[in-house]
Each structure stands twice: as structure tokens, then as C-alpha cells.
Amino acid sequence: MLAKNRLFYVTISFVFLIEEIANAYIGPGLALGTVVISLGLVILLVFLIVAILYYPVKRLIIKYKNRNKE
């Protein structure tokens, strides 16, 4: 079992290390779509982090303001 795993990892390593040129045309539409999707994913992750952190911080601010009023 261990030999099979080792062989698998060595094979995968060689696949990723050997570089070949792709003889394919990537048009401007596909390239632009890839850029837009990548930016969308980055923006999604930023909004996700902001949304997760927003409500706890908002509660702390409200508690702090209420404590100062009393």
C-alpha cells in the first residue's frame, strides 16, 4: 500500500514538473471571462470575510455605546 502511494505521488510530481507548450489559441473572450471570474471569486471572498466579521464587531460597538450611556 505504501509503495502504491509513493508511486502515485512521484508520478503526480513528474506530471506537474514537466512543462509542455500548449498549441492552442485562447481568444480574447475566454481570457476576459477567466479574468472576470477570478476577480469575482476574490471579491466574493472579501465580502464573505467582511460579512462574517461585521456582526460581531457591530455588537461590540453597540455594547460599548450602551455602557457609556449608563
C-alpha atoms as a PDB file:
ATOM      1  CA  MET A   1       0.000   0.000   0.000  1.00  0.00           C
ATOM      2  CA  LEU A   2       2.793   2.399   0.905  1.00  0.00           C
ATOM      3  CA  ALA A   3       4.619   1.643  -2.343  1.00  0.00           C
ATOM      4  CA  LYS A   4       1.485   2.423  -4.347  1.00  0.00           C
ATOM      5  CA  ASN A   5       1.068   5.767  -2.581  1.00  0.00           C
ATOM      6  CA  ARG A   6       4.716   6.614  -3.130  1.00  0.00           C
ATOM      7  CA  LEU A   7       4.463   5.711  -6.823  1.00  0.00           C
ATOM      8  CA  PHE A   8       1.324   7.850  -7.126  1.00  0.00           C
ATOM      9  CA  TYR A   9       2.991  10.902  -5.581  1.00  0.00           C
ATOM     10  CA  VAL A  10       6.117  10.505  -7.701  1.00  0.00           C
ATOM     11  CA  THR A  11       4.002  10.226 -10.850  1.00  0.00           C
ATOM     12  CA  ILE A  12       1.932  13.288  -9.954  1.00  0.00           C
ATOM     13  CA  SER A  13       5.117  15.231  -9.177  1.00  0.00           C
ATOM     14  CA  PHE A  14       6.552  14.431 -12.606  1.00  0.00           C
ATOM     15  CA  VAL A  15       3.306  15.409 -14.312  1.00  0.00           C
ATOM     16  CA  PHE A  16       3.362  18.832 -12.679  1.00  0.00           C
ATOM     17  CA  LEU A  17       7.105  19.381 -13.104  1.00  0.00           C
ATOM     18  CA  ILE A  18       7.323  18.546 -16.802  1.00  0.00           C
ATOM     19  CA  GLU A  19       6.344  21.586 -18.798  1.00  0.00           C
ATOM     20  CA  GLU A  20       4.972  21.479 -22.300  1.00  0.00           C
ATOM     21  CA  ILE A  21       3.748  24.242 -24.548  1.00  0.00           C
ATOM     22  CA  ALA A  22       0.049  24.193 -25.321  1.00  0.00           C
ATOM     23  CA  ASN A  23      -0.564  24.659 -29.029  1.00  0.00           C
ATOM     24  CA  ALA A  24      -3.981  26.194 -28.644  1.00  0.00           C
ATOM     25  CA  TYR A  25      -5.446  29.605 -29.317  1.00  0.00           C
ATOM     26  CA  ILE A  26      -7.104  31.284 -26.381  1.00  0.00           C
ATOM     27  CA  GLY A  27      -9.273  34.046 -27.728  1.00  0.00           C
ATOM     28  CA  PRO A  28      -9.913  37.364 -26.014  1.00  0.00           C
ATOM     29  CA  GLY A  29     -13.393  36.268 -24.912  1.00  0.00           C
ATOM     30  CA  LEU A  30     -12.107  33.269 -22.995  1.00  0.00           C
ATOM     31  CA  ALA A  31      -9.271  35.277 -21.461  1.00  0.00           C
ATOM     32  CA  LEU A  32     -11.618  38.080 -20.424  1.00  0.00           C
ATOM     33  CA  GLY A  33     -14.076  35.578 -18.969  1.00  0.00           C
ATOM     34  CA  THR A  34     -11.301  33.981 -16.936  1.00  0.00           C
ATOM     35  CA  VAL A  35     -10.218  37.357 -15.573  1.00  0.00           C
ATOM     36  CA  VAL A  36     -13.790  38.318 -14.668  1.00  0.00           C
ATOM     37  CA  ILE A  37     -14.448  35.010 -12.911  1.00  0.00           C
ATOM     38  CA  SER A  38     -11.169  35.274 -10.988  1.00  0.00           C
ATOM     39  CA  LEU A  39     -11.962  38.809  -9.854  1.00  0.00           C
ATOM     40  CA  GLY A  40     -15.476  37.726  -8.916  1.00  0.00           C
ATOM     41  CA  LEU A  41     -14.119  34.964  -6.705  1.00  0.00           C
ATOM     42  CA  VAL A  42     -11.703  37.347  -4.986  1.00  0.00           C
ATOM     43  CA  ILE A  43     -14.479  39.889  -4.376  1.00  0.00           C
ATOM     44  CA  LEU A  44     -16.728  37.094  -3.092  1.00  0.00           C
ATOM     45  CA  LEU A  45     -14.095  36.034  -0.571  1.00  0.00           C
ATOM     46  CA  VAL A  46     -13.618  39.632   0.601  1.00  0.00           C
ATOM     47  CA  PHE A  47     -17.369  40.096   1.073  1.00  0.00           C
ATOM     48  CA  LEU A  48     -17.543  36.768   2.902  1.00  0.00           C
ATOM     49  CA  ILE A  49     -14.857  37.826   5.364  1.00  0.00           C
ATOM     50  CA  VAL A  50     -16.460  41.258   5.864  1.00  0.00           C
ATOM     51  CA  ALA A  51     -19.893  39.689   6.407  1.00  0.00           C
ATOM     52  CA  ILE A  52     -18.546  37.239   8.974  1.00  0.00           C
ATOM     53  CA  LEU A  53     -16.692  39.959  10.902  1.00  0.00           C
ATOM     54  CA  TYR A  54     -19.329  42.704  10.596  1.00  0.00           C
ATOM     55  CA  TYR A  55     -21.967  41.472  13.027  1.00  0.00           C
ATOM     56  CA  PRO A  56     -19.694  40.631  15.991  1.00  0.00           C
ATOM     57  CA  VAL A  57     -17.943  43.998  15.651  1.00  0.00           C
ATOM     58  CA  LYS A  58     -21.305  45.755  15.366  1.00  0.00           C
ATOM     59  CA  ARG A  59     -22.497  44.089  18.586  1.00  0.00           C
ATOM     60  CA  LEU A  60     -19.335  45.128  20.401  1.00  0.00           C
ATOM     61  CA  ILE A  61     -19.784  48.733  19.273  1.00  0.00           C
ATOM     62  CA  ILE A  62     -23.422  48.779  20.398  1.00  0.00           C
ATOM     63  CA  LYS A  63     -22.492  47.270  23.796  1.00  0.00           C
ATOM     64  CA  TYR A  64     -19.727  49.846  24.206  1.00  0.00           C
ATOM     65  CA  LYS A  65     -22.063  52.733  23.355  1.00  0.00           C
ATOM     66  CA  ASN A  66     -24.776  51.440  25.725  1.00  0.00           C
ATOM     67  CA  ARG A  67     -22.262  51.054  28.530  1.00  0.00           C
ATOM     68  CA  ASN A  68     -21.117  54.657  28.127  1.00  0.00           C
ATOM     69  CA  LYS A  69     -24.707  55.968  28.210  1.00  0.00           C
ATOM     70  CA  GLU A  70     -25.454  54.364  31.568  1.00  0.00           C
END
